[in-house]
Amino acid sequence: MYSLYKLIDTVLDMYTWVIIAGAIASWLVAFGVVNTRNQVIRWIIDFLYRITEPALRPIRRVLPNLGGVDISPVILLLGLFFLRSLLGEYWPR
């Protein structure tokens, strides 16, 4: 049972890093730092978008408009940190 807990914890940890990478990539695109005409960059950004968007979309629907500032990744990260903490606290050892 402990190995299942570790697997879930590792998947949540990896998804946390994917969310952070997606937020950084969106900032780099928004500020014109990366060239999205590059095929590899476009593929990476599209991959990060497709992986994170299903989790971020419901949060964006609930949040009010903050004038172009998207805090949905922060809300999702807080939820993932809470879920990981909850799993660690209540998982039988």
C-alpha atoms as a PDB file:
ATOM      1  CA  MET A   1       0.000   0.000   0.000  1.00  0.00           C
ATOM      2  CA  TYR A   2       2.880   2.334   0.723  1.00  0.00           C
ATOM      3  CA  SER A   3       4.198   1.933  -2.831  1.00  0.00           C
ATOM      4  CA  LEU A   4       0.821   3.135  -4.180  1.00  0.00           C
ATOM      5  CA  TYR A   5       1.100   6.199  -1.954  1.00  0.00           C
ATOM      6  CA  LYS A   6       4.612   6.880  -3.262  1.00  0.00           C
ATOM      7  CA  LEU A   7       3.422   6.498  -6.862  1.00  0.00           C
ATOM      8  CA  ILE A   8       0.568   8.970  -6.351  1.00  0.00           C
ATOM      9  CA  ASP A   9       2.889  11.356  -4.535  1.00  0.00           C
ATOM     10  CA  THR A  10       5.446  11.175  -7.350  1.00  0.00           C
ATOM     11  CA  VAL A  11       2.809  11.781 -10.042  1.00  0.00           C
ATOM     12  CA  LEU A  12       1.490  14.811  -8.134  1.00  0.00           C
ATOM     13  CA  ASP A  13       5.046  16.093  -7.737  1.00  0.00           C
ATOM     14  CA  MET A  14       5.720  15.732 -11.460  1.00  0.00           C
ATOM     15  CA  TYR A  15       2.439  17.482 -12.307  1.00  0.00           C
ATOM     16  CA  THR A  16       3.456  20.325  -9.988  1.00  0.00           C
ATOM     17  CA  TRP A  17       6.610  20.846 -12.033  1.00  0.00           C
ATOM     18  CA  VAL A  18       4.652  20.683 -15.286  1.00  0.00           C
ATOM     19  CA  ILE A  19       2.336  23.445 -14.016  1.00  0.00           C
ATOM     20  CA  ILE A  20       5.326  25.595 -13.058  1.00  0.00           C
ATOM     21  CA  ALA A  21       6.937  25.005 -16.468  1.00  0.00           C
ATOM     22  CA  GLY A  22       3.664  25.876 -18.208  1.00  0.00           C
ATOM     23  CA  ALA A  23       3.329  29.132 -16.278  1.00  0.00           C
ATOM     24  CA  ILE A  24       6.923  30.109 -17.061  1.00  0.00           C
ATOM     25  CA  ALA A  25       6.471  29.203 -20.729  1.00  0.00           C
ATOM     26  CA  SER A  26       3.339  31.349 -20.958  1.00  0.00           C
ATOM     27  CA  TRP A  27       5.230  34.297 -19.436  1.00  0.00           C
ATOM     28  CA  LEU A  28       8.100  33.826 -21.893  1.00  0.00           C
ATOM     29  CA  VAL A  29       5.661  33.812 -24.804  1.00  0.00           C
ATOM     30  CA  ALA A  30       3.733  36.813 -23.473  1.00  0.00           C
ATOM     31  CA  PHE A  31       6.922  38.890 -23.085  1.00  0.00           C
ATOM     32  CA  GLY A  32       8.288  37.824 -26.466  1.00  0.00           C
ATOM     33  CA  VAL A  33      11.368  36.097 -25.063  1.00  0.00           C
ATOM     34  CA  VAL A  34      10.884  32.865 -26.994  1.00  0.00           C
ATOM     35  CA  ASN A  35      10.159  32.558 -30.690  1.00  0.00           C
ATOM     36  CA  THR A  36       6.977  30.511 -31.148  1.00  0.00           C
ATOM     37  CA  ARG A  37       7.736  30.054 -34.846  1.00  0.00           C
ATOM     38  CA  ASN A  38      10.373  27.538 -33.821  1.00  0.00           C
ATOM     39  CA  GLN A  39       8.810  24.082 -34.232  1.00  0.00           C
ATOM     40  CA  VAL A  40      10.364  22.607 -31.056  1.00  0.00           C
ATOM     41  CA  ILE A  41       9.329  25.557 -28.887  1.00  0.00           C
ATOM     42  CA  ARG A  42       5.810  25.442 -30.331  1.00  0.00           C
ATOM     43  CA  TRP A  43       5.599  21.694 -29.624  1.00  0.00           C
ATOM     44  CA  ILE A  44       6.763  22.135 -26.004  1.00  0.00           C
ATOM     45  CA  ILE A  45       4.359  25.001 -25.328  1.00  0.00           C
ATOM     46  CA  ASP A  46       1.480  23.105 -26.937  1.00  0.00           C
ATOM     47  CA  PHE A  47       2.306  20.018 -24.854  1.00  0.00           C
ATOM     48  CA  LEU A  48       2.380  22.033 -21.613  1.00  0.00           C
ATOM     49  CA  TYR A  49      -0.894  23.732 -22.551  1.00  0.00           C
ATOM     50  CA  ARG A  50      -2.653  20.435 -23.303  1.00  0.00           C
ATOM     51  CA  ILE A  51      -1.449  18.857 -20.057  1.00  0.00           C
ATOM     52  CA  THR A  52      -2.324  21.747 -17.740  1.00  0.00           C
ATOM     53  CA  GLU A  53      -5.418  23.271 -19.346  1.00  0.00           C
ATOM     54  CA  PRO A  54      -7.947  20.604 -18.236  1.00  0.00           C
ATOM     55  CA  ALA A  55      -7.053  21.309 -14.599  1.00  0.00           C
ATOM     56  CA  LEU A  56      -6.789  25.088 -14.973  1.00  0.00           C
ATOM     57  CA  ARG A  57      -9.977  25.700 -16.981  1.00  0.00           C
ATOM     58  CA  PRO A  58     -12.461  25.057 -14.107  1.00  0.00           C
ATOM     59  CA  ILE A  59     -10.440  27.325 -11.817  1.00  0.00           C
ATOM     60  CA  ARG A  60     -10.420  30.113 -14.425  1.00  0.00           C
ATOM     61  CA  ARG A  61     -14.204  29.891 -14.773  1.00  0.00           C
ATOM     62  CA  VAL A  62     -14.657  30.514 -11.036  1.00  0.00           C
ATOM     63  CA  LEU A  63     -12.022  33.237 -10.546  1.00  0.00           C
ATOM     64  CA  PRO A  64     -12.965  36.851 -11.235  1.00  0.00           C
ATOM     65  CA  ASN A  65     -11.132  38.831 -13.910  1.00  0.00           C
ATOM     66  CA  LEU A  66      -8.006  40.314 -12.358  1.00  0.00           C
ATOM     67  CA  GLY A  67      -7.023  42.525 -15.262  1.00  0.00           C
ATOM     68  CA  GLY A  68      -4.871  40.146 -17.266  1.00  0.00           C
ATOM     69  CA  VAL A  69      -3.215  38.447 -14.293  1.00  0.00           C
ATOM     70  CA  ASP A  70      -3.824  34.706 -14.262  1.00  0.00           C
ATOM     71  CA  ILE A  71      -3.491  33.251 -10.774  1.00  0.00           C
ATOM     72  CA  SER A  72      -5.122  29.930 -11.608  1.00  0.00           C
ATOM     73  CA  PRO A  73      -1.756  28.066 -11.596  1.00  0.00           C
ATOM     74  CA  VAL A  74      -1.133  29.341  -8.067  1.00  0.00           C
ATOM     75  CA  ILE A  75      -4.568  28.139  -6.926  1.00  0.00           C
ATOM     76  CA  LEU A  76      -3.976  24.743  -8.549  1.00  0.00           C
ATOM     77  CA  LEU A  77      -0.538  24.440  -6.942  1.00  0.00           C
ATOM     78  CA  LEU A  78      -1.992  25.234  -3.533  1.00  0.00           C
ATOM     79  CA  GLY A  79      -4.618  22.554  -4.094  1.00  0.00           C
ATOM     80  CA  LEU A  80      -1.966  20.015  -5.095  1.00  0.00           C
ATOM     81  CA  PHE A  81       0.171  20.850  -2.063  1.00  0.00           C
ATOM     82  CA  PHE A  82      -2.886  20.418   0.152  1.00  0.00           C
ATOM     83  CA  LEU A  83      -3.747  17.092  -1.501  1.00  0.00           C
ATOM     84  CA  ARG A  84      -0.202  15.775  -1.095  1.00  0.00           C
ATOM     85  CA  SER A  85      -0.185  16.808   2.545  1.00  0.00           C
ATOM     86  CA  LEU A  86      -3.567  15.199   3.115  1.00  0.00           C
ATOM     87  CA  LEU A  87      -2.448  11.963   1.454  1.00  0.00           C
ATOM     88  CA  GLY A  88       0.687  11.845   3.589  1.00  0.00           C
ATOM     89  CA  GLU A  89      -1.277  12.477   6.756  1.00  0.00           C
ATOM     90  CA  TYR A  90      -4.034   9.913   6.290  1.00  0.00           C
ATOM     91  CA  TRP A  91      -2.322   7.181   4.272  1.00  0.00           C
ATOM     92  CA  PRO A  92      -1.865   3.999   6.350  1.00  0.00           C
ATOM     93  CA  ARG A  93       1.765   3.047   6.893  1.00  0.00           C
END
